[in-house]
Every structure is written in structure tokens, then in C-alpha cells.
Amino acid sequence: MAAKIRKGDKVVVLTGRDKGRTGEVFEVRPAEGRALVRGINMVKRHQKQTPNQEGGIISKESPIHLSNIAIVGSDGKPTRVGFKIQADGKKVRIAKRTGAEI
């Protein structure tokens, strides 16, 4: 099945403590149905010191469920994603709100 949300997409958070914030997807985990969004769903973790990394408390992104994020359309509002087959047989993603190709 084709992915509706992919790496590099600009998304908006629909629910949770970061509701309304936008960010860029930098990793998608299809098996878990989750994605990592830059600057969203930040958590603090204790990091043990290693030879190449300093120890201490660090902030990092936690995965967010795909149902809780939506792609930002060309009009700046959240939109659902659909698929359309072009004349040359290529499958492309379209924004349901505007009908524009993503």
C-alpha cells in the first residue's frame, strides 16, 4: 500500500499537547504506524556518556501516531491525502481539500 505521509512532508499535529504545531517528517515507521516530526512531541531522556557523545539529560523527538498528523496543503490548512492515476499510469498523491498534487 502506498504511504500517505512520507519523509520530507510538512505536517500539522491534530491532537495532543502539540496540537496546531507544524513540522517536517524526518522518519516514518510504517510497521508501527508512527512518524518522527522535527521539533514535535519532544521528550527528555537520560543519556549515558560514550566516547563520542556527552552524557546528561537530552531532548529528542518521540514517535507520533500517523492518525494524529495531517499534511499541510498548499493553502496552509490540514488536508487528507488521496491517490490518482495519471494518464501515463503513474500513481500520485493529491490533497483532498484542494485537489492539488502533493
C-alpha atoms as a PDB file:
ATOM      1  CA  MET A   1       0.000   0.000   0.000  1.00  0.00           C
ATOM      2  CA  ALA A   2       1.269   3.462  -0.858  1.00  0.00           C
ATOM      3  CA  ALA A   3       2.231   5.736   2.041  1.00  0.00           C
ATOM      4  CA  LYS A   4       0.064   8.788   2.586  1.00  0.00           C
ATOM      5  CA  ILE A   5       2.715  10.506   4.728  1.00  0.00           C
ATOM      6  CA  ARG A   6       6.343  10.356   3.641  1.00  0.00           C
ATOM      7  CA  LYS A   7       9.719  11.647   4.731  1.00  0.00           C
ATOM      8  CA  GLY A   8      10.069  15.368   3.966  1.00  0.00           C
ATOM      9  CA  ASP A   9       6.339  16.176   4.171  1.00  0.00           C
ATOM     10  CA  LYS A  10       5.239  19.238   6.132  1.00  0.00           C
ATOM     11  CA  VAL A  11       2.581  18.160   8.630  1.00  0.00           C
ATOM     12  CA  VAL A  12       0.374  19.677  11.335  1.00  0.00           C
ATOM     13  CA  VAL A  13      -0.461  17.942  14.634  1.00  0.00           C
ATOM     14  CA  LEU A  14      -4.207  17.334  15.078  1.00  0.00           C
ATOM     15  CA  THR A  15      -4.372  16.135  18.704  1.00  0.00           C
ATOM     16  CA  GLY A  16      -2.296  16.071  21.859  1.00  0.00           C
ATOM     17  CA  ARG A  17      -0.146  18.596  23.693  1.00  0.00           C
ATOM     18  CA  ASP A  18       1.423  19.860  20.426  1.00  0.00           C
ATOM     19  CA  LYS A  19      -1.937  20.398  18.690  1.00  0.00           C
ATOM     20  CA  GLY A  20      -1.723  23.004  15.924  1.00  0.00           C
ATOM     21  CA  ARG A  21       2.074  22.961  15.623  1.00  0.00           C
ATOM     22  CA  THR A  22       3.722  22.171  12.294  1.00  0.00           C
ATOM     23  CA  GLY A  23       6.950  20.391  11.457  1.00  0.00           C
ATOM     24  CA  GLU A  24       8.742  18.273   8.892  1.00  0.00           C
ATOM     25  CA  VAL A  25       8.647  14.476   8.931  1.00  0.00           C
ATOM     26  CA  PHE A  26      12.198  13.108   9.066  1.00  0.00           C
ATOM     27  CA  GLU A  27      11.447   9.429   9.657  1.00  0.00           C
ATOM     28  CA  VAL A  28       8.424   7.189   9.043  1.00  0.00           C
ATOM     29  CA  ARG A  29       7.956   3.817  10.720  1.00  0.00           C
ATOM     30  CA  PRO A  30       5.268   2.026   8.676  1.00  0.00           C
ATOM     31  CA  ALA A  31       5.342  -1.190  10.727  1.00  0.00           C
ATOM     32  CA  GLU A  32       4.448   0.797  13.864  1.00  0.00           C
ATOM     33  CA  GLY A  33       2.191   3.299  12.081  1.00  0.00           C
ATOM     34  CA  ARG A  34       4.196   6.179  13.530  1.00  0.00           C
ATOM     35  CA  ALA A  35       6.395   9.042  12.354  1.00  0.00           C
ATOM     36  CA  LEU A  36       9.058  11.323  13.815  1.00  0.00           C
ATOM     37  CA  VAL A  37       8.412  15.037  13.243  1.00  0.00           C
ATOM     38  CA  ARG A  38      11.179  17.595  13.789  1.00  0.00           C
ATOM     39  CA  GLY A  39      10.524  19.634  16.957  1.00  0.00           C
ATOM     40  CA  ILE A  40       7.222  17.893  17.791  1.00  0.00           C
ATOM     41  CA  ASN A  41       6.439  15.553  20.719  1.00  0.00           C
ATOM     42  CA  MET A  42       9.733  16.310  22.485  1.00  0.00           C
ATOM     43  CA  VAL A  43      10.693  14.161  25.484  1.00  0.00           C
ATOM     44  CA  LYS A  44      13.633  14.276  27.912  1.00  0.00           C
ATOM     45  CA  ARG A  45      15.871  11.218  28.108  1.00  0.00           C
ATOM     46  CA  HIS A  46      18.870  10.399  30.283  1.00  0.00           C
ATOM     47  CA  GLN A  47      21.888   9.733  28.058  1.00  0.00           C
ATOM     48  CA  LYS A  48      24.826   7.697  29.291  1.00  0.00           C
ATOM     49  CA  GLN A  49      28.226   9.092  28.346  1.00  0.00           C
ATOM     50  CA  THR A  50      30.053   7.380  25.491  1.00  0.00           C
ATOM     51  CA  PRO A  51      33.456   8.122  23.934  1.00  0.00           C
ATOM     52  CA  ASN A  52      31.850  10.133  21.123  1.00  0.00           C
ATOM     53  CA  GLN A  53      28.785  11.569  22.920  1.00  0.00           C
ATOM     54  CA  GLU A  54      28.435  13.520  26.140  1.00  0.00           C
ATOM     55  CA  GLY A  55      26.113  12.244  28.868  1.00  0.00           C
ATOM     56  CA  GLY A  56      23.276  14.077  30.595  1.00  0.00           C
ATOM     57  CA  ILE A  57      19.624  14.840  30.010  1.00  0.00           C
ATOM     58  CA  ILE A  58      18.830  15.376  26.322  1.00  0.00           C
ATOM     59  CA  SER A  59      15.639  16.332  24.493  1.00  0.00           C
ATOM     60  CA  LYS A  60      14.630  14.316  21.471  1.00  0.00           C
ATOM     61  CA  GLU A  61      11.583  13.656  19.329  1.00  0.00           C
ATOM     62  CA  SER A  62       9.263  10.799  20.223  1.00  0.00           C
ATOM     63  CA  PRO A  63       7.221   8.982  17.541  1.00  0.00           C
ATOM     64  CA  ILE A  64       3.694  10.281  16.953  1.00  0.00           C
ATOM     65  CA  HIS A  65       0.887   8.161  15.510  1.00  0.00           C
ATOM     66  CA  LEU A  66       0.063   8.773  11.848  1.00  0.00           C
ATOM     67  CA  SER A  67      -3.621   9.324  12.675  1.00  0.00           C
ATOM     68  CA  ASN A  68      -2.668  12.343  14.797  1.00  0.00           C
ATOM     69  CA  ILE A  69      -0.922  14.258  11.999  1.00  0.00           C
ATOM     70  CA  ALA A  70      -2.124  15.618   8.657  1.00  0.00           C
ATOM     71  CA  ILE A  71      -0.306  17.020   5.642  1.00  0.00           C
ATOM     72  CA  VAL A  72      -0.382  20.796   5.254  1.00  0.00           C
ATOM     73  CA  GLY A  73      -1.910  21.667   1.880  1.00  0.00           C
ATOM     74  CA  SER A  74      -0.969  24.481  -0.464  1.00  0.00           C
ATOM     75  CA  ASP A  75      -3.489  26.739   1.320  1.00  0.00           C
ATOM     76  CA  GLY A  76      -1.754  26.173   4.684  1.00  0.00           C
ATOM     77  CA  LYS A  77      -4.581  24.086   6.180  1.00  0.00           C
ATOM     78  CA  PRO A  78      -4.529  20.384   7.110  1.00  0.00           C
ATOM     79  CA  THR A  79      -5.757  18.087   4.371  1.00  0.00           C
ATOM     80  CA  ARG A  80      -6.405  14.413   3.832  1.00  0.00           C
ATOM     81  CA  VAL A  81      -4.492  12.530   1.160  1.00  0.00           C
ATOM     82  CA  GLY A  82      -5.929  10.697  -1.832  1.00  0.00           C
ATOM     83  CA  PHE A  83      -4.416   8.953  -4.817  1.00  0.00           C
ATOM     84  CA  LYS A  84      -4.946   9.460  -8.529  1.00  0.00           C
ATOM     85  CA  ILE A  85      -3.641   7.530 -11.522  1.00  0.00           C
ATOM     86  CA  GLN A  86      -2.200   9.834 -14.190  1.00  0.00           C
ATOM     87  CA  ALA A  87      -2.541   9.249 -17.931  1.00  0.00           C
ATOM     88  CA  ASP A  88       0.949   7.733 -18.087  1.00  0.00           C
ATOM     89  CA  GLY A  89      -0.006   5.174 -15.396  1.00  0.00           C
ATOM     90  CA  LYS A  90       1.888   6.892 -12.575  1.00  0.00           C
ATOM     91  CA  LYS A  91       0.200   6.976  -9.148  1.00  0.00           C
ATOM     92  CA  VAL A  92       0.373  10.375  -7.420  1.00  0.00           C
ATOM     93  CA  ARG A  93      -0.817  11.785  -4.105  1.00  0.00           C
ATOM     94  CA  ILE A  94      -3.432  14.561  -4.164  1.00  0.00           C
ATOM     95  CA  ALA A  95      -4.780  16.871  -1.459  1.00  0.00           C
ATOM     96  CA  LYS A  96      -8.464  16.142  -0.824  1.00  0.00           C
ATOM     97  CA  ARG A  97      -9.157  19.763   0.212  1.00  0.00           C
ATOM     98  CA  THR A  98      -7.810  21.422  -2.951  1.00  0.00           C
ATOM     99  CA  GLY A  99      -7.317  18.582  -5.421  1.00  0.00           C
ATOM    100  CA  ALA A 100      -3.730  19.731  -5.968  1.00  0.00           C
ATOM    101  CA  GLU A 101      -0.907  17.237  -6.477  1.00  0.00           C
ATOM    102  CA  ILE A 102       1.391  16.802  -3.477  1.00  0.00           C
END
